[in-house]
Amino acid sequence: MSGLGANQGGELCLGKPKRHLTPVRLPFRHVTAVAGAFDHALYDARPVWACGLNKLGELGDGKTRSASGRSG
C-alpha cells in the first residue's frame, strides 16, 4: 500500500512527520480497511495500526500523544 500527503501528524505511519508529495510505500501489508481524518489514520493490517496526532484520544489507545505505529 502507498500513501502521500502532508503527513503533518505522522498519519502515514512512517515514524516521522515529513511531507510526501509523491506516493511512498507504507510499512504494512494486507490492509483490509483504512479510515482517516485530518491528522490521524487507522489501518487494519492485522494488527490494526493507529497513527497521527492524538490530542483528544482519536487513536483509541488510551493516550493523548501522537503515535506512528501499531495500536493493537
PDB file of N, CA and C in Angstrom:
ATOM      1  N   MET A   1       0.838  -1.166   0.000  1.00  0.00           N
ATOM      2  CA  MET A   1       0.000   0.000   0.000  1.00  0.00           C
ATOM      3  C   MET A   1       0.889   1.236   0.000  1.00  0.00           C
ATOM      4  N   SER A   2       0.458   2.261  -0.690  1.00  0.00           N
ATOM      5  CA  SER A   2       1.205   3.515  -0.756  1.00  0.00           C
ATOM      6  C   SER A   2       0.348   4.661  -0.240  1.00  0.00           C
ATOM      7  N   GLY A   3       0.997   5.744   0.145  1.00  0.00           N
ATOM      8  CA  GLY A   3       0.287   6.928   0.600  1.00  0.00           C
ATOM      9  C   GLY A   3       1.094   8.175   0.294  1.00  0.00           C
ATOM     10  N   LEU A   4       0.441   9.313   0.355  1.00  0.00           N
ATOM     11  CA  LEU A   4       1.120  10.588   0.170  1.00  0.00           C
ATOM     12  C   LEU A   4       0.346  11.672   0.881  1.00  0.00           C
ATOM     13  N   GLY A   5       0.984  12.820   1.068  1.00  0.00           N
ATOM     14  CA  GLY A   5       0.313  13.950   1.678  1.00  0.00           C
ATOM     15  C   GLY A   5       1.178  14.689   2.668  1.00  0.00           C
ATOM     16  N   ALA A   6       0.550  15.588   3.396  1.00  0.00           N
ATOM     17  CA  ALA A   6       1.270  16.446   4.336  1.00  0.00           C
ATOM     18  C   ALA A   6       1.908  15.641   5.461  1.00  0.00           C
ATOM     19  N   ASN A   7       1.247  14.578   5.929  1.00  0.00           N
ATOM     20  CA  ASN A   7       1.779  13.719   6.981  1.00  0.00           C
ATOM     21  C   ASN A   7       2.196  14.520   8.208  1.00  0.00           C
ATOM     22  N   GLN A   8       1.531  15.619   8.428  1.00  0.00           N
ATOM     23  CA  GLN A   8       1.852  16.557   9.493  1.00  0.00           C
ATOM     24  C   GLN A   8       1.847  15.930  10.882  1.00  0.00           C
ATOM     25  N   GLY A   9       0.930  14.991  11.104  1.00  0.00           N
ATOM     26  CA  GLY A   9       0.861  14.341  12.398  1.00  0.00           C
ATOM     27  C   GLY A   9       1.445  12.945  12.407  1.00  0.00           C
ATOM     28  N   GLY A  10       2.069  12.538  11.304  1.00  0.00           N
ATOM     29  CA  GLY A  10       2.625  11.202  11.218  1.00  0.00           C
ATOM     30  C   GLY A  10       1.602  10.150  10.817  1.00  0.00           C
ATOM     31  N   GLU A  11       0.492  10.583  10.207  1.00  0.00           N
ATOM     32  CA  GLU A  11      -0.599   9.669   9.886  1.00  0.00           C
ATOM     33  C   GLU A  11      -0.275   8.624   8.823  1.00  0.00           C
ATOM     34  N   LEU A  12       0.875   8.748   8.167  1.00  0.00           N
ATOM     35  CA  LEU A  12       1.286   7.714   7.207  1.00  0.00           C
ATOM     36  C   LEU A  12       2.054   6.571   7.874  1.00  0.00           C
ATOM     37  N   CYS A  13       2.257   6.643   9.181  1.00  0.00           N
ATOM     38  CA  CYS A  13       2.926   5.581   9.958  1.00  0.00           C
ATOM     39  C   CYS A  13       4.373   5.356   9.519  1.00  0.00           C
ATOM     40  N   LEU A  14       5.050   6.401   9.128  1.00  0.00           N
ATOM     41  CA  LEU A  14       6.428   6.277   8.663  1.00  0.00           C
ATOM     42  C   LEU A  14       7.452   6.667   9.728  1.00  0.00           C
ATOM     43  N   GLY A  15       7.011   6.987  10.922  1.00  0.00           N
ATOM     44  CA  GLY A  15       7.924   7.299  12.008  1.00  0.00           C
ATOM     45  C   GLY A  15       8.227   8.769  12.194  1.00  0.00           C
ATOM     46  N   LYS A  16       8.141   9.555  11.142  1.00  0.00           N
ATOM     47  CA  LYS A  16       8.419  10.993  11.243  1.00  0.00           C
ATOM     48  C   LYS A  16       7.360  11.775  10.483  1.00  0.00           C
ATOM     49  N   PRO A  17       6.959  12.935  11.003  1.00  0.00           N
ATOM     50  CA  PRO A  17       6.002  13.776  10.281  1.00  0.00           C
ATOM     51  C   PRO A  17       6.694  14.558   9.167  1.00  0.00           C
ATOM     52  N   LYS A  18       6.847  13.942   8.020  1.00  0.00           N
ATOM     53  CA  LYS A  18       7.507  14.559   6.872  1.00  0.00           C
ATOM     54  C   LYS A  18       6.563  14.528   5.675  1.00  0.00           C
ATOM     55  N   ARG A  19       6.481  15.637   4.951  1.00  0.00           N
ATOM     56  CA  ARG A  19       5.609  15.755   3.781  1.00  0.00           C
ATOM     57  C   ARG A  19       6.084  14.837   2.658  1.00  0.00           C
ATOM     58  N   HIS A  20       5.134  14.165   2.024  1.00  0.00           N
ATOM     59  CA  HIS A  20       5.431  13.303   0.875  1.00  0.00           C
ATOM     60  C   HIS A  20       4.517  13.720  -0.274  1.00  0.00           C
ATOM     61  N   LEU A  21       5.086  14.349  -1.280  1.00  0.00           N
ATOM     62  CA  LEU A  21       4.305  14.840  -2.409  1.00  0.00           C
ATOM     63  C   LEU A  21       4.127  13.790  -3.496  1.00  0.00           C
ATOM     64  N   THR A  22       4.875  12.706  -3.420  1.00  0.00           N
ATOM     65  CA  THR A  22       4.710  11.579  -4.329  1.00  0.00           C
ATOM     66  C   THR A  22       4.453  10.333  -3.477  1.00  0.00           C
ATOM     67  N   PRO A  23       3.798   9.325  -4.014  1.00  0.00           N
ATOM     68  CA  PRO A  23       3.476   8.130  -3.215  1.00  0.00           C
ATOM     69  C   PRO A  23       4.719   7.449  -2.637  1.00  0.00           C
ATOM     70  N   VAL A  24       4.597   7.022  -1.392  1.00  0.00           N
ATOM     71  CA  VAL A  24       5.648   6.265  -0.701  1.00  0.00           C
ATOM     72  C   VAL A  24       5.032   4.972  -0.164  1.00  0.00           C
ATOM     73  N   ARG A  25       5.842   3.964  -0.073  1.00  0.00           N
ATOM     74  CA  ARG A  25       5.377   2.666   0.446  1.00  0.00           C
ATOM     75  C   ARG A  25       5.129   2.778   1.954  1.00  0.00           C
ATOM     76  N   LEU A  26       3.976   2.314   2.396  1.00  0.00           N
ATOM     77  CA  LEU A  26       3.643   2.329   3.816  1.00  0.00           C
ATOM     78  C   LEU A  26       4.108   1.020   4.458  1.00  0.00           C
ATOM     79  N   PRO A  27       4.351   1.026   5.780  1.00  0.00           N
ATOM     80  CA  PRO A  27       5.045  -0.084   6.440  1.00  0.00           C
ATOM     81  C   PRO A  27       4.195  -1.296   6.814  1.00  0.00           C
ATOM     82  N   PHE A  28       3.169  -1.618   6.042  1.00  0.00           N
ATOM     83  CA  PHE A  28       2.373  -2.794   6.352  1.00  0.00           C
ATOM     84  C   PHE A  28       1.834  -3.417   5.072  1.00  0.00           C
ATOM     85  N   ARG A  29       1.368  -4.659   5.200  1.00  0.00           N
ATOM     86  CA  ARG A  29       0.825  -5.389   4.052  1.00  0.00           C
ATOM     87  C   ARG A  29      -0.578  -5.881   4.386  1.00  0.00           C
ATOM     88  N   HIS A  30      -1.264  -6.330   3.377  1.00  0.00           N
ATOM     89  CA  HIS A  30      -2.568  -6.968   3.548  1.00  0.00           C
ATOM     90  C   HIS A  30      -3.564  -6.088   4.294  1.00  0.00           C
ATOM     91  N   VAL A  31      -3.647  -4.836   3.906  1.00  0.00           N
ATOM     92  CA  VAL A  31      -4.583  -3.900   4.534  1.00  0.00           C
ATOM     93  C   VAL A  31      -5.995  -4.235   4.056  1.00  0.00           C
ATOM     94  N   THR A  32      -6.913  -4.408   5.004  1.00  0.00           N
ATOM     95  CA  THR A  32      -8.295  -4.723   4.642  1.00  0.00           C
ATOM     96  C   THR A  32      -9.237  -3.531   4.807  1.00  0.00           C
ATOM     97  N   ALA A  33      -8.810  -2.502   5.544  1.00  0.00           N
ATOM     98  CA  ALA A  33      -9.640  -1.311   5.727  1.00  0.00           C
ATOM     99  C   ALA A  33      -8.767  -0.134   6.151  1.00  0.00           C
ATOM    100  N   VAL A  34      -9.183   1.065   5.749  1.00  0.00           N
ATOM    101  CA  VAL A  34      -8.476   2.295   6.115  1.00  0.00           C
ATOM    102  C   VAL A  34      -9.520   3.331   6.525  1.00  0.00           C
ATOM    103  N   ALA A  35      -9.236   4.070   7.582  1.00  0.00           N
ATOM    104  CA  ALA A  35     -10.096   5.181   7.998  1.00  0.00           C
ATOM    105  C   ALA A  35      -9.186   6.334   8.377  1.00  0.00           C
ATOM    106  N   GLY A  36      -9.521   7.517   7.936  1.00  0.00           N
ATOM    107  CA  GLY A  36      -8.667   8.650   8.244  1.00  0.00           C
ATOM    108  C   GLY A  36      -9.456   9.919   8.441  1.00  0.00           C
ATOM    109  N   ALA A  37      -8.805  10.867   9.052  1.00  0.00           N
ATOM    110  CA  ALA A  37      -9.376  12.190   9.248  1.00  0.00           C
ATOM    111  C   ALA A  37      -8.235  13.196   9.113  1.00  0.00           C
ATOM    112  N   PHE A  38      -8.415  14.370   9.641  1.00  0.00           N
ATOM    113  CA  PHE A  38      -7.472  15.470   9.397  1.00  0.00           C
ATOM    114  C   PHE A  38      -6.014  15.115   9.663  1.00  0.00           C
ATOM    115  N   ASP A  39      -5.662  14.651  10.846  1.00  0.00           N
ATOM    116  CA  ASP A  39      -4.261  14.371  11.175  1.00  0.00           C
ATOM    117  C   ASP A  39      -4.046  12.994  11.790  1.00  0.00           C
ATOM    118  N   HIS A  40      -4.911  12.033  11.476  1.00  0.00           N
ATOM    119  CA  HIS A  40      -4.714  10.688  12.006  1.00  0.00           C
ATOM    120  C   HIS A  40      -5.356   9.668  11.067  1.00  0.00           C
ATOM    121  N   ALA A  41      -4.934   8.415  11.204  1.00  0.00           N
ATOM    122  CA  ALA A  41      -5.477   7.350  10.363  1.00  0.00           C
ATOM    123  C   ALA A  41      -5.390   6.013  11.084  1.00  0.00           C
ATOM    124  N   LEU A  42      -6.309   5.116  10.738  1.00  0.00           N
ATOM    125  CA  LEU A  42      -6.302   3.742  11.220  1.00  0.00           C
ATOM    126  C   LEU A  42      -6.180   2.831  10.006  1.00  0.00           C
ATOM    127  N   TYR A  43      -5.332   1.828  10.103  1.00  0.00           N
ATOM    128  CA  TYR A  43      -5.125   0.867   9.030  1.00  0.00           C
ATOM    129  C   TYR A  43      -5.331  -0.527   9.610  1.00  0.00           C
ATOM    130  N   ASP A  44      -6.296  -1.277   9.105  1.00  0.00           N
ATOM    131  CA  ASP A  44      -6.493  -2.653   9.559  1.00  0.00           C
ATOM    132  C   ASP A  44      -5.625  -3.541   8.696  1.00  0.00           C
ATOM    133  N   ALA A  45      -4.464  -3.864   9.236  1.00  0.00           N
ATOM    134  CA  ALA A  45      -3.493  -4.689   8.519  1.00  0.00           C
ATOM    135  C   ALA A  45      -3.188  -5.944   9.327  1.00  0.00           C
ATOM    136  N   ARG A  46      -4.071  -6.273  10.231  1.00  0.00           N
ATOM    137  CA  ARG A  46      -3.903  -7.453  11.094  1.00  0.00           C
ATOM    138  C   ARG A  46      -2.530  -7.506  11.688  1.00  0.00           C
ATOM    139  N   PRO A  47      -2.176  -6.736  12.674  1.00  0.00           N
ATOM    140  CA  PRO A  47      -2.989  -5.957  13.600  1.00  0.00           C
ATOM    141  C   PRO A  47      -3.352  -4.580  13.047  1.00  0.00           C
ATOM    142  N   VAL A  48      -4.151  -3.865  13.819  1.00  0.00           N
ATOM    143  CA  VAL A  48      -4.542  -2.505  13.462  1.00  0.00           C
ATOM    144  C   VAL A  48      -3.407  -1.547  13.791  1.00  0.00           C
ATOM    145  N   TRP A  49      -3.135  -0.641  12.872  1.00  0.00           N
ATOM    146  CA  TRP A  49      -2.145   0.424  13.086  1.00  0.00           C
ATOM    147  C   TRP A  49      -2.921   1.725  13.250  1.00  0.00           C
ATOM    148  N   ALA A  50      -2.582   2.512  14.265  1.00  0.00           N
ATOM    149  CA  ALA A  50      -3.195   3.817  14.502  1.00  0.00           C
ATOM    150  C   ALA A  50      -2.071   4.841  14.547  1.00  0.00           C
ATOM    151  N   CYS A  51      -2.129   5.825  13.669  1.00  0.00           N
ATOM    152  CA  CYS A  51      -1.026   6.780  13.544  1.00  0.00           C
ATOM    153  C   CYS A  51      -1.547   8.200  13.427  1.00  0.00           C
ATOM    154  N   GLY A  52      -0.741   9.143  13.908  1.00  0.00           N
ATOM    155  CA  GLY A  52      -1.047  10.553  13.731  1.00  0.00           C
ATOM    156  C   GLY A  52      -1.208  11.300  15.048  1.00  0.00           C
ATOM    157  N   LEU A  53      -1.732  12.520  14.915  1.00  0.00           N
ATOM    158  CA  LEU A  53      -1.986  13.334  16.107  1.00  0.00           C
ATOM    159  C   LEU A  53      -3.072  12.666  16.930  1.00  0.00           C
ATOM    160  N   ASN A  54      -2.982  12.806  18.211  1.00  0.00           N
ATOM    161  CA  ASN A  54      -3.873  12.099  19.117  1.00  0.00           C
ATOM    162  C   ASN A  54      -4.259  13.001  20.290  1.00  0.00           C
ATOM    163  N   LYS A  55      -4.408  14.288  20.029  1.00  0.00           N
ATOM    164  CA  LYS A  55      -4.663  15.254  21.109  1.00  0.00           C
ATOM    165  C   LYS A  55      -5.887  14.918  21.946  1.00  0.00           C
ATOM    166  N   LEU A  56      -6.912  14.382  21.306  1.00  0.00           N
ATOM    167  CA  LEU A  56      -8.164  14.092  22.009  1.00  0.00           C
ATOM    168  C   LEU A  56      -8.416  12.595  22.148  1.00  0.00           C
ATOM    169  N   GLY A  57      -7.390  11.775  21.933  1.00  0.00           N
ATOM    170  CA  GLY A  57      -7.545  10.329  22.049  1.00  0.00           C
ATOM    171  C   GLY A  57      -8.138   9.667  20.821  1.00  0.00           C
ATOM    172  N   GLU A  58      -8.024  10.309  19.658  1.00  0.00           N
ATOM    173  CA  GLU A  58      -8.631   9.798  18.435  1.00  0.00           C
ATOM    174  C   GLU A  58      -8.130   8.414  18.024  1.00  0.00           C
ATOM    175  N   LEU A  59      -6.928   8.045  18.455  1.00  0.00           N
ATOM    176  CA  LEU A  59      -6.353   6.771  18.028  1.00  0.00           C
ATOM    177  C   LEU A  59      -6.867   5.592  18.841  1.00  0.00           C
ATOM    178  N   GLY A  60      -7.579   5.858  19.926  1.00  0.00           N
ATOM    179  CA  GLY A  60      -8.192   4.798  20.710  1.00  0.00           C
ATOM    180  C   GLY A  60      -7.224   3.961  21.519  1.00  0.00           C
ATOM    181  N   ASP A  61      -6.050   4.503  21.825  1.00  0.00           N
ATOM    182  CA  ASP A  61      -5.063   3.732  22.587  1.00  0.00           C
ATOM    183  C   ASP A  61      -5.008   4.138  24.062  1.00  0.00           C
ATOM    184  N   GLY A  62      -5.951   4.971  24.490  1.00  0.00           N
ATOM    185  CA  GLY A  62      -5.995   5.390  25.885  1.00  0.00           C
ATOM    186  C   GLY A  62      -5.008   6.498  26.229  1.00  0.00           C
ATOM    187  N   LYS A  63      -4.338   7.047  25.233  1.00  0.00           N
ATOM    188  CA  LYS A  63      -3.351   8.104  25.458  1.00  0.00           C
ATOM    189  C   LYS A  63      -3.748   9.354  24.688  1.00  0.00           C
ATOM    190  N   THR A  64      -3.041  10.446  24.948  1.00  0.00           N
ATOM    191  CA  THR A  64      -3.277  11.685  24.202  1.00  0.00           C
ATOM    192  C   THR A  64      -1.964  12.241  23.674  1.00  0.00           C
ATOM    193  N   ARG A  65      -1.142  11.383  23.105  1.00  0.00           N
ATOM    194  CA  ARG A  65       0.090  11.836  22.451  1.00  0.00           C
ATOM    195  C   ARG A  65       0.166  11.187  21.082  1.00  0.00           C
ATOM    196  N   SER A  66       0.875  11.805  20.185  1.00  0.00           N
ATOM    197  CA  SER A  66       0.982  11.321  18.818  1.00  0.00           C
ATOM    198  C   SER A  66       1.642   9.941  18.777  1.00  0.00           C
ATOM    199  N   ALA A  67       1.282   9.183  17.744  1.00  0.00           N
ATOM    200  CA  ALA A  67       1.813   7.837  17.584  1.00  0.00           C
ATOM    201  C   ALA A  67       2.063   7.570  16.115  1.00  0.00           C
ATOM    202  N   SER A  68       3.007   6.701  15.862  1.00  0.00           N
ATOM    203  CA  SER A  68       3.287   6.328  14.491  1.00  0.00           C
ATOM    204  C   SER A  68       3.627   4.848  14.416  1.00  0.00           C
ATOM    205  N   GLY A  69       2.737   4.027  14.936  1.00  0.00           N
ATOM    206  CA  GLY A  69       2.975   2.601  14.918  1.00  0.00           C
ATOM    207  C   GLY A  69       1.759   1.806  15.301  1.00  0.00           C
ATOM    208  N   ARG A  70       1.945   0.538  15.597  1.00  0.00           N
ATOM    209  CA  ARG A  70       0.837  -0.361  15.892  1.00  0.00           C
ATOM    210  C   ARG A  70       0.088   0.039  17.154  1.00  0.00           C
ATOM    211  N   SER A  71      -1.208  -0.161  17.107  1.00  0.00           N
ATOM    212  CA  SER A  71      -2.045   0.155  18.253  1.00  0.00           C
ATOM    213  C   SER A  71      -2.651  -1.095  18.872  1.00  0.00           C
ATOM    214  N   GLY A  72      -2.473  -2.228  18.303  1.00  0.00           N
ATOM    215  CA  GLY A  72      -3.089  -3.407  18.874  1.00  0.00           C
ATOM    216  C   GLY A  72      -2.649  -4.678  18.214  1.00  0.00           C
TER     217      GLY A  72
END
